Amino acid sequence: MAAALHTSSLRTPALQARGVRKSFVSGRVHSTVLHDLWLDVHAGELTLISGPSGCGKSTLLAILSGLQPADAGGVLALGQELSGLGMRELEYFRLQHTGFVFQGFNLFPALTALEQVELPLTYMGLAKGMARRRAIESLEEVGLGPRMRLRPAELSGGEKQRVAIARALAKQPELLFADEPTSALDAANGQTVIDILHRIARTHGTTVLCVSHDPRLVGHADRVLAMEDGRILSDHVPSSPPTASEAKEPSA
């Protein structure tokens, strides 16, 4: 049996992949996307999965977050075996314990930034006053307090992504998944987004798992997993990841 990567830490992993395999079939073509992957991810760290487009990193993120099932192997998230959950249980688990940030922002055009962040909190059953307070706090944390009444058309790309981060952060998730969060942004806004994600891991103790082919992110992660052709080729800690105090304050 293959050994799990990154086993030096004695902490219980927040997220574990055990022999995860995934294939897709198109007509007569059978393509294996993930080859029996073993992986431990720890809380309070920003873990980056890097690699070229098509290497399987987004599929791995989808399986680890419960958005897709694996063909073989298992995923333990916060000690819960995801394959043992029914569809409703899995949806409830994601609602209560996870946050997502995507490349395309996924914002509603008619809602203000504040309303965007409040929306998932109402699905969680929070009282209106509590949802409003959490939303405001999260927007202020990502530097958007003065712009919380604006709609997406009035915000820059970097600001839209920060709204998306605030929406995930307001749920106070133990697990935060980010799929190519900087690929649609320029260098300055991309830097701001990765600094915010790193600070969330540090200050909230959140498990932040980010997939990206953006080389700018590598030096800002606590740990980097390099993928190619559905396999993890290397697992290393960058020489000097930034601390929370070194992270830059958000800018527009």
Protein backbone atom coordinates (compact mmCIF):
# COMPACT_ATOMS: atom_id res chain seq x y z
CA MET A 1 0.00 0.00 0.00
CA ALA A 2 1.31 3.47 -0.86
CA ALA A 3 2.48 5.65 2.00
CA ALA A 4 0.63 8.88 2.71
CA LEU A 5 2.46 12.07 1.84
CA HIS A 6 3.48 14.68 4.42
CA THR A 7 3.45 12.32 7.41
CA SER A 8 5.93 14.20 9.58
CA SER A 9 3.24 16.05 11.53
CA LEU A 10 1.65 14.29 14.49
CA ARG A 11 -1.56 16.30 14.20
CA THR A 12 -4.72 14.61 13.04
CA PRO A 13 -5.31 15.71 9.44
CA ALA A 14 -8.43 17.78 8.77
CA LEU A 15 -8.69 16.28 5.29
CA GLN A 16 -7.48 12.90 4.07
CA ALA A 17 -7.50 11.12 0.71
CA ARG A 18 -6.97 7.37 0.83
CA GLY A 19 -6.25 5.68 -2.49
CA VAL A 20 -8.51 8.05 -4.45
CA ARG A 21 -9.01 7.06 -8.08
CA LYS A 22 -11.16 8.74 -10.72
CA SER A 23 -11.79 7.96 -14.41
CA PHE A 24 -14.03 9.39 -17.09
CA VAL A 25 -15.49 7.58 -20.08
CA SER A 26 -16.28 9.24 -23.40
CA GLY A 27 -17.54 6.77 -25.97
CA ARG A 28 -14.92 4.05 -26.13
CA VAL A 29 -12.24 6.20 -24.53
CA HIS A 30 -11.52 5.49 -20.86
CA SER A 31 -9.31 8.13 -19.23
CA THR A 32 -7.93 7.80 -15.71
CA VAL A 33 -7.71 11.28 -14.20
CA LEU A 34 -6.51 10.41 -10.67
CA HIS A 35 -4.26 7.44 -9.89
CA ASP A 36 -4.69 6.08 -6.33
CA LEU A 37 -3.81 9.32 -4.52
CA TRP A 38 -2.93 9.42 -0.82
CA LEU A 39 -2.90 12.78 0.92
CA ASP A 40 -3.14 14.42 4.36
CA VAL A 41 -4.03 18.11 4.73
CA HIS A 42 -3.74 19.88 8.08
CA ALA A 43 -5.72 22.72 9.63
CA GLY A 44 -4.22 26.18 9.89
CA GLU A 45 -2.29 25.77 6.65
CA LEU A 46 -2.70 27.04 3.12
CA THR A 47 -2.00 24.02 0.95
CA LEU A 48 -1.53 24.65 -2.76
CA ILE A 49 -2.03 21.97 -5.40
CA SER A 50 -0.19 23.17 -8.49
CA GLY A 51 0.20 21.78 -11.96
CA PRO A 52 -0.67 22.31 -15.61
CA SER A 53 -4.22 22.46 -16.91
CA GLY A 54 -5.70 18.99 -17.25
CA CYS A 55 -3.47 17.34 -14.65
CA GLY A 56 -6.43 16.43 -12.42
CA LYS A 57 -6.06 19.03 -9.68
CA SER A 58 -9.60 20.47 -10.00
CA THR A 59 -11.04 16.95 -10.07
CA LEU A 60 -9.12 16.17 -6.89
CA LEU A 61 -10.48 19.33 -5.25
CA ALA A 62 -14.03 18.38 -6.25
CA ILE A 63 -13.64 14.91 -4.73
CA LEU A 64 -12.01 16.18 -1.53
CA SER A 65 -14.83 18.72 -1.08
CA GLY A 66 -17.59 16.20 -1.73
CA LEU A 67 -18.74 17.75 -5.00
CA GLN A 68 -17.83 14.58 -6.91
CA PRO A 69 -17.57 10.94 -5.81
CA ALA A 70 -14.37 8.95 -6.27
CA ASP A 71 -14.44 5.71 -8.25
CA ALA A 72 -12.29 4.03 -5.62
CA GLY A 73 -10.68 4.97 -2.32
CA GLY A 74 -12.11 7.29 0.28
CA VAL A 75 -12.08 10.84 1.65
CA LEU A 76 -12.19 11.71 5.34
CA ALA A 77 -13.17 15.30 6.01
CA LEU A 78 -13.05 16.37 9.67
CA GLY A 79 -13.04 12.67 10.51
CA GLN A 80 -16.19 12.00 8.47
CA GLU A 81 -16.06 9.46 5.63
CA LEU A 82 -17.77 11.32 2.79
CA SER A 83 -18.66 8.20 0.81
CA GLY A 84 -20.77 7.07 3.76
CA LEU A 85 -23.06 10.09 3.51
CA GLY A 86 -26.27 10.24 1.53
CA MET A 87 -26.93 13.14 -0.84
CA ARG A 88 -28.80 15.22 1.73
CA GLU A 89 -26.25 14.49 4.44
CA LEU A 90 -23.46 15.49 2.09
CA GLU A 91 -25.21 18.74 1.17
CA TYR A 92 -25.69 19.50 4.87
CA PHE A 93 -22.03 18.73 5.58
CA ARG A 94 -20.88 21.12 2.85
CA LEU A 95 -23.29 23.82 4.02
CA GLN A 96 -22.18 23.65 7.65
CA HIS A 97 -18.45 22.93 7.35
CA THR A 98 -17.11 24.11 3.99
CA GLY A 99 -16.63 27.28 1.99
CA PHE A 100 -15.86 27.60 -1.73
CA VAL A 101 -14.12 30.22 -3.84
CA PHE A 102 -14.17 29.80 -7.63
CA GLN A 103 -12.45 31.43 -10.57
CA GLY A 104 -15.70 32.93 -11.88
CA PHE A 105 -16.78 34.60 -8.57
CA ASN A 106 -20.36 33.17 -8.84
CA LEU A 107 -22.03 36.38 -7.67
CA PHE A 108 -25.66 37.37 -8.23
CA PRO A 109 -25.86 40.54 -10.38
CA ALA A 110 -28.86 42.00 -8.53
CA LEU A 111 -27.48 41.60 -4.99
CA THR A 112 -25.16 43.95 -3.12
CA ALA A 113 -21.91 42.63 -1.67
CA LEU A 114 -23.56 42.50 1.75
CA GLU A 115 -26.54 40.54 0.43
CA GLN A 116 -24.23 38.11 -1.39
CA VAL A 117 -22.48 37.27 1.88
CA GLU A 118 -25.68 37.08 3.91
CA LEU A 119 -27.41 34.65 1.56
CA PRO A 120 -25.71 31.35 2.55
CA LEU A 121 -26.01 32.31 6.22
CA THR A 122 -29.79 32.33 5.91
CA TYR A 123 -29.62 28.82 4.40
CA MET A 124 -27.66 27.80 7.50
CA GLY A 125 -30.55 28.97 9.67
CA LEU A 126 -28.87 31.98 11.27
CA ALA A 127 -31.11 34.70 12.61
CA LYS A 128 -31.24 37.82 10.44
CA GLY A 129 -29.31 39.97 12.92
CA MET A 130 -26.55 37.40 13.36
CA ALA A 131 -26.28 36.89 9.60
CA ARG A 132 -25.96 40.64 9.08
CA ARG A 133 -23.23 40.97 11.73
CA ARG A 134 -21.22 38.05 10.35
CA ALA A 135 -21.52 39.37 6.80
CA ILE A 136 -20.33 42.84 7.78
CA GLU A 137 -17.40 41.43 9.78
CA SER A 138 -16.31 39.23 6.90
CA LEU A 139 -16.49 42.03 4.35
CA GLU A 140 -14.49 44.28 6.66
CA GLU A 141 -11.90 41.52 7.11
CA VAL A 142 -11.27 41.41 3.36
CA GLY A 143 -11.15 45.21 3.13
CA LEU A 144 -14.57 45.83 1.58
CA GLY A 145 -16.42 47.46 4.45
CA PRO A 146 -16.86 50.79 2.60
CA ARG A 147 -18.10 49.01 -0.56
CA MET A 148 -20.53 46.50 0.89
CA ARG A 149 -23.59 48.27 -0.58
CA LEU A 150 -22.32 47.99 -4.15
CA ARG A 151 -23.41 45.41 -6.72
CA PRO A 152 -21.01 43.31 -8.83
CA ALA A 153 -21.19 45.66 -11.84
CA GLU A 154 -19.78 48.42 -9.61
CA LEU A 155 -16.85 46.32 -8.33
CA SER A 156 -13.48 45.45 -9.85
CA GLY A 157 -12.49 41.84 -10.52
CA GLY A 158 -10.34 41.77 -7.41
CA GLU A 159 -13.18 43.16 -5.32
CA LYS A 160 -15.61 40.58 -6.70
CA GLN A 161 -13.25 37.79 -5.67
CA ARG A 162 -12.92 39.30 -2.21
CA VAL A 163 -16.73 39.31 -1.92
CA ALA A 164 -16.65 35.62 -2.80
CA ILE A 165 -14.02 35.02 -0.13
CA ALA A 166 -16.06 36.97 2.43
CA ARG A 167 -19.12 34.88 1.52
CA ALA A 168 -17.16 31.70 2.27
CA LEU A 169 -15.51 33.16 5.37
CA ALA A 170 -18.80 34.31 6.93
CA LYS A 171 -19.87 30.68 7.25
CA GLN A 172 -16.88 30.15 9.58
CA PRO A 173 -15.96 26.95 7.71
CA GLU A 174 -13.40 24.47 8.95
CA LEU A 175 -12.57 23.68 5.31
CA LEU A 176 -12.12 26.32 2.61
CA PHE A 177 -11.65 25.23 -1.01
CA ALA A 178 -10.39 27.60 -3.69
CA ASP A 179 -10.36 26.60 -7.38
CA GLU A 180 -8.10 28.87 -9.50
CA PRO A 181 -8.96 31.93 -7.37
CA THR A 182 -6.40 34.24 -9.02
CA SER A 183 -6.45 33.18 -12.66
CA ALA A 184 -8.89 35.92 -13.70
CA LEU A 185 -6.98 38.64 -11.81
CA ASP A 186 -3.98 40.84 -12.48
CA ALA A 187 -0.80 40.50 -10.42
CA ALA A 188 -1.75 43.00 -7.70
CA ASN A 189 -5.23 41.62 -7.11
CA GLY A 190 -3.96 38.06 -7.31
CA GLN A 191 -1.42 38.89 -4.61
CA THR A 192 -4.14 40.38 -2.42
CA VAL A 193 -6.35 37.30 -2.76
CA ILE A 194 -3.63 34.82 -1.86
CA ASP A 195 -2.57 36.98 1.11
CA ILE A 196 -6.17 36.94 2.38
CA LEU A 197 -6.43 33.16 2.00
CA HIS A 198 -3.16 32.71 3.86
CA ARG A 199 -4.32 35.01 6.66
CA ILE A 200 -7.60 33.08 6.98
CA ALA A 201 -5.66 29.85 7.50
CA ARG A 202 -3.41 31.49 10.09
CA THR A 203 -5.90 33.53 12.10
CA HIS A 204 -8.96 31.27 11.92
CA GLY A 205 -7.20 27.89 11.96
CA THR A 206 -9.02 27.06 8.74
CA THR A 207 -7.88 24.29 6.42
CA VAL A 208 -7.40 26.14 3.12
CA LEU A 209 -6.89 23.99 0.02
CA CYS A 210 -6.23 25.87 -3.19
CA VAL A 211 -5.66 24.52 -6.70
CA SER A 212 -3.96 26.69 -9.29
CA HIS A 213 -1.51 26.66 -12.17
CA ASP A 214 -0.53 30.24 -11.26
CA PRO A 215 3.19 30.21 -10.33
CA ARG A 216 2.75 33.40 -8.29
CA LEU A 217 1.01 31.42 -5.56
CA VAL A 218 3.81 28.96 -4.88
CA GLY A 219 5.88 31.22 -2.62
CA HIS A 220 2.85 32.18 -0.53
CA ALA A 221 1.64 28.72 0.44
CA ASP A 222 2.62 26.80 3.56
CA ARG A 223 2.84 23.63 1.50
CA VAL A 224 2.91 22.89 -2.22
CA LEU A 225 1.83 19.66 -3.90
CA ALA A 226 2.89 19.42 -7.54
CA MET A 227 0.60 17.32 -9.74
CA GLU A 228 1.05 15.93 -13.21
CA ASP A 229 -1.01 13.36 -15.13
CA GLY A 230 -3.19 12.53 -12.12
CA ARG A 231 -0.33 11.90 -9.71
CA ILE A 232 1.34 13.92 -6.96
CA LEU A 233 4.97 14.25 -8.01
CA SER A 234 6.29 16.27 -5.08
CA ASP A 235 5.24 17.55 -1.66
CA HIS A 236 7.31 20.37 -0.19
CA VAL A 237 7.27 23.38 2.10
CA PRO A 238 8.42 26.65 0.47
CA SER A 239 11.56 28.07 2.05
CA SER A 240 9.97 31.16 3.59
CA PRO A 241 6.15 31.39 3.47
CA PRO A 242 4.80 34.74 4.70
CA THR A 243 3.43 35.04 8.22
CA ALA A 244 0.05 36.58 8.94
CA SER A 245 1.70 39.82 10.09
CA GLU A 246 3.57 40.03 6.79
CA ALA A 247 0.45 39.64 4.68
CA LYS A 248 -0.46 42.90 2.95
CA GLU A 249 -3.63 44.74 3.72
CA PRO A 250 -6.27 44.38 0.99
CA SER A 251 -6.36 47.07 -1.67
CA ALA A 252 -8.96 47.88 -4.29
